[in-house]
Amino acid sequence: MANGWTPERRARQAELIRKWRPWEKSTGPRTPEGKQTVARNAFRGGTWRLLRELARAMREQKIGLKKVGEK
């Protein structure tokens, strides 16, 4: 296997995880700060899209200026 886990190791780990049952102890964020942090988990940022729109607008402007200069 590429990650170095043999089938035996994988089976042992699966057995231990089922024994530990960590999902039963998971509580999620408790503090207001923690809740604020996880509220942004899915945020993908908006800068890239804005930059693309700006680049497109500048490209159109450049084309328009070339047309005006040709006349």
N, C-alpha and C. Protein backbone atom coordinates (compact mmCIF):
# COMPACT_ATOMS: atom_id res chain seq x y z
N MET A 1 0.84 -1.19 0.00
CA MET A 1 0.00 0.00 0.00
C MET A 1 0.88 1.24 0.00
N ALA A 2 0.39 2.27 -0.60
CA ALA A 2 1.16 3.50 -0.75
C ALA A 2 1.38 4.20 0.58
N ASN A 3 0.44 4.07 1.50
CA ASN A 3 0.57 4.79 2.76
C ASN A 3 1.28 3.97 3.85
N GLY A 4 1.65 2.74 3.57
CA GLY A 4 2.38 1.93 4.53
C GLY A 4 1.51 1.14 5.50
N TRP A 5 0.20 1.24 5.36
CA TRP A 5 -0.69 0.50 6.25
C TRP A 5 -0.96 -0.87 5.65
N THR A 6 -0.58 -1.91 6.37
CA THR A 6 -0.87 -3.26 5.91
C THR A 6 -2.33 -3.56 6.22
N PRO A 7 -2.89 -4.58 5.59
CA PRO A 7 -4.28 -4.94 5.92
C PRO A 7 -4.45 -5.29 7.40
N GLU A 8 -3.43 -5.89 8.00
CA GLU A 8 -3.51 -6.23 9.43
C GLU A 8 -3.54 -4.96 10.28
N ARG A 9 -2.68 -4.02 9.93
CA ARG A 9 -2.64 -2.77 10.70
C ARG A 9 -3.96 -2.02 10.55
N ARG A 10 -4.50 -1.99 9.33
CA ARG A 10 -5.77 -1.33 9.08
C ARG A 10 -6.89 -1.98 9.90
N ALA A 11 -6.92 -3.32 9.93
CA ALA A 11 -7.95 -4.04 10.69
C ALA A 11 -7.82 -3.76 12.18
N ARG A 12 -6.58 -3.75 12.68
CA ARG A 12 -6.37 -3.46 14.11
C ARG A 12 -6.82 -2.05 14.44
N GLN A 13 -6.47 -1.10 13.60
CA GLN A 13 -6.86 0.28 13.85
C GLN A 13 -8.39 0.43 13.82
N ALA A 14 -9.04 -0.23 12.87
CA ALA A 14 -10.50 -0.18 12.79
C ALA A 14 -11.13 -0.75 14.05
N GLU A 15 -10.56 -1.85 14.54
CA GLU A 15 -11.07 -2.47 15.77
C GLU A 15 -10.91 -1.53 16.96
N LEU A 16 -9.74 -0.90 17.06
CA LEU A 16 -9.50 0.03 18.17
C LEU A 16 -10.43 1.23 18.11
N ILE A 17 -10.64 1.77 16.93
CA ILE A 17 -11.53 2.92 16.77
C ILE A 17 -12.96 2.54 17.18
N ARG A 18 -13.40 1.35 16.76
CA ARG A 18 -14.74 0.91 17.16
C ARG A 18 -14.83 0.74 18.67
N LYS A 19 -13.73 0.33 19.29
CA LYS A 19 -13.70 0.16 20.74
C LYS A 19 -13.72 1.51 21.45
N TRP A 20 -12.93 2.47 20.94
CA TRP A 20 -12.83 3.79 21.58
C TRP A 20 -14.08 4.64 21.36
N ARG A 21 -14.74 4.48 20.20
CA ARG A 21 -15.95 5.22 19.85
C ARG A 21 -15.78 6.73 20.05
N PRO A 22 -14.80 7.34 19.42
CA PRO A 22 -14.54 8.76 19.63
C PRO A 22 -15.71 9.66 19.22
N TRP A 23 -16.57 9.20 18.32
CA TRP A 23 -17.69 10.01 17.87
C TRP A 23 -18.70 10.27 18.98
N GLU A 24 -18.69 9.42 20.02
CA GLU A 24 -19.61 9.63 21.14
C GLU A 24 -19.11 10.73 22.08
N LYS A 25 -17.83 11.02 22.04
CA LYS A 25 -17.26 12.03 22.93
C LYS A 25 -17.12 13.39 22.24
N SER A 26 -17.37 13.44 20.95
CA SER A 26 -17.22 14.68 20.21
C SER A 26 -18.33 15.65 20.60
N THR A 27 -17.96 16.87 20.93
CA THR A 27 -18.95 17.85 21.37
C THR A 27 -19.09 19.02 20.41
N GLY A 28 -18.13 19.21 19.55
CA GLY A 28 -18.15 20.38 18.69
C GLY A 28 -17.70 21.59 19.48
N PRO A 29 -17.83 22.77 18.90
CA PRO A 29 -17.38 23.97 19.59
C PRO A 29 -18.29 24.30 20.77
N ARG A 30 -17.69 24.75 21.85
CA ARG A 30 -18.47 25.09 23.04
C ARG A 30 -18.48 26.58 23.31
N THR A 31 -17.36 27.24 23.03
CA THR A 31 -17.27 28.67 23.33
C THR A 31 -17.80 29.49 22.16
N PRO A 32 -18.22 30.71 22.42
CA PRO A 32 -18.67 31.57 21.31
C PRO A 32 -17.56 31.77 20.27
N GLU A 33 -16.30 31.86 20.73
CA GLU A 33 -15.19 32.03 19.79
C GLU A 33 -15.05 30.80 18.90
N GLY A 34 -15.18 29.62 19.50
CA GLY A 34 -15.08 28.39 18.73
C GLY A 34 -16.21 28.27 17.72
N LYS A 35 -17.41 28.68 18.13
CA LYS A 35 -18.55 28.62 17.22
C LYS A 35 -18.37 29.60 16.06
N GLN A 36 -17.78 30.76 16.36
CA GLN A 36 -17.50 31.73 15.30
C GLN A 36 -16.50 31.15 14.30
N THR A 37 -15.51 30.48 14.82
CA THR A 37 -14.47 29.90 13.96
C THR A 37 -15.05 28.85 13.03
N VAL A 38 -15.83 27.92 13.57
CA VAL A 38 -16.36 26.84 12.73
C VAL A 38 -17.45 27.34 11.78
N ALA A 39 -18.05 28.48 12.09
CA ALA A 39 -19.05 29.04 11.18
C ALA A 39 -18.40 29.43 9.85
N ARG A 40 -17.09 29.65 9.86
CA ARG A 40 -16.37 30.04 8.65
C ARG A 40 -15.70 28.84 7.97
N ASN A 41 -15.98 27.63 8.39
CA ASN A 41 -15.31 26.45 7.83
C ASN A 41 -15.50 26.33 6.32
N ALA A 42 -16.68 26.60 5.83
CA ALA A 42 -16.96 26.41 4.41
C ALA A 42 -16.65 27.64 3.58
N PHE A 43 -16.20 28.71 4.18
CA PHE A 43 -15.92 29.94 3.44
C PHE A 43 -14.77 29.70 2.49
N ARG A 44 -14.99 29.99 1.23
CA ARG A 44 -13.99 29.73 0.20
C ARG A 44 -13.24 30.98 -0.20
N GLY A 45 -13.58 32.09 0.39
CA GLY A 45 -12.91 33.33 0.02
C GLY A 45 -13.57 33.94 -1.20
N GLY A 46 -13.52 35.23 -1.30
CA GLY A 46 -14.15 35.87 -2.43
C GLY A 46 -13.18 36.66 -3.28
N THR A 47 -11.94 36.72 -2.87
CA THR A 47 -10.95 37.55 -3.55
C THR A 47 -10.68 37.08 -4.96
N TRP A 48 -10.56 35.80 -5.17
CA TRP A 48 -10.22 35.26 -6.49
C TRP A 48 -11.28 35.65 -7.52
N ARG A 49 -12.53 35.51 -7.16
CA ARG A 49 -13.61 35.85 -8.09
C ARG A 49 -13.59 37.35 -8.41
N LEU A 50 -13.37 38.17 -7.40
CA LEU A 50 -13.30 39.61 -7.63
C LEU A 50 -12.14 39.97 -8.55
N LEU A 51 -11.00 39.33 -8.35
CA LEU A 51 -9.85 39.60 -9.21
C LEU A 51 -10.12 39.19 -10.66
N ARG A 52 -10.81 38.10 -10.85
CA ARG A 52 -11.15 37.65 -12.20
C ARG A 52 -12.08 38.65 -12.88
N GLU A 53 -13.07 39.15 -12.13
CA GLU A 53 -13.99 40.13 -12.69
C GLU A 53 -13.25 41.42 -13.04
N LEU A 54 -12.34 41.83 -12.17
CA LEU A 54 -11.55 43.04 -12.43
C LEU A 54 -10.68 42.86 -13.67
N ALA A 55 -10.05 41.71 -13.80
CA ALA A 55 -9.20 41.44 -14.97
C ALA A 55 -10.03 41.47 -16.25
N ARG A 56 -11.24 40.91 -16.19
CA ARG A 56 -12.11 40.91 -17.37
C ARG A 56 -12.51 42.34 -17.74
N ALA A 57 -12.86 43.14 -16.73
CA ALA A 57 -13.25 44.53 -16.99
C ALA A 57 -12.08 45.32 -17.58
N MET A 58 -10.88 45.09 -17.06
CA MET A 58 -9.72 45.81 -17.57
C MET A 58 -9.40 45.38 -19.00
N ARG A 59 -9.59 44.10 -19.30
CA ARG A 59 -9.35 43.60 -20.65
C ARG A 59 -10.33 44.25 -21.63
N GLU A 60 -11.61 44.33 -21.22
CA GLU A 60 -12.61 44.96 -22.07
C GLU A 60 -12.30 46.44 -22.27
N GLN A 61 -11.84 47.10 -21.22
CA GLN A 61 -11.49 48.51 -21.32
C GLN A 61 -10.32 48.71 -22.29
N LYS A 62 -9.35 47.84 -22.20
CA LYS A 62 -8.18 47.92 -23.08
C LYS A 62 -8.60 47.77 -24.54
N ILE A 63 -9.48 46.82 -24.80
CA ILE A 63 -9.99 46.61 -26.16
C ILE A 63 -10.73 47.85 -26.63
N GLY A 64 -11.56 48.41 -25.76
CA GLY A 64 -12.30 49.62 -26.11
C GLY A 64 -11.38 50.79 -26.40
N LEU A 65 -10.32 50.96 -25.61
CA LEU A 65 -9.38 52.05 -25.83
C LEU A 65 -8.63 51.87 -27.15
N LYS A 66 -8.32 50.63 -27.49
CA LYS A 66 -7.65 50.37 -28.78
C LYS A 66 -8.56 50.78 -29.94
N LYS A 67 -9.86 50.46 -29.81
CA LYS A 67 -10.81 50.80 -30.86
C LYS A 67 -10.93 52.31 -31.01
N VAL A 68 -10.94 53.04 -29.90
CA VAL A 68 -11.02 54.50 -29.93
C VAL A 68 -9.76 55.08 -30.55
N GLY A 69 -8.61 54.51 -30.24
CA GLY A 69 -7.34 54.99 -30.77
C GLY A 69 -7.18 54.75 -32.26
N GLU A 70 -7.87 53.74 -32.79
CA GLU A 70 -7.77 53.42 -34.21
C GLU A 70 -8.56 54.39 -35.08
N LYS A 71 -9.55 55.03 -34.50
CA LYS A 71 -10.43 55.92 -35.29
C LYS A 71 -9.78 57.24 -35.59
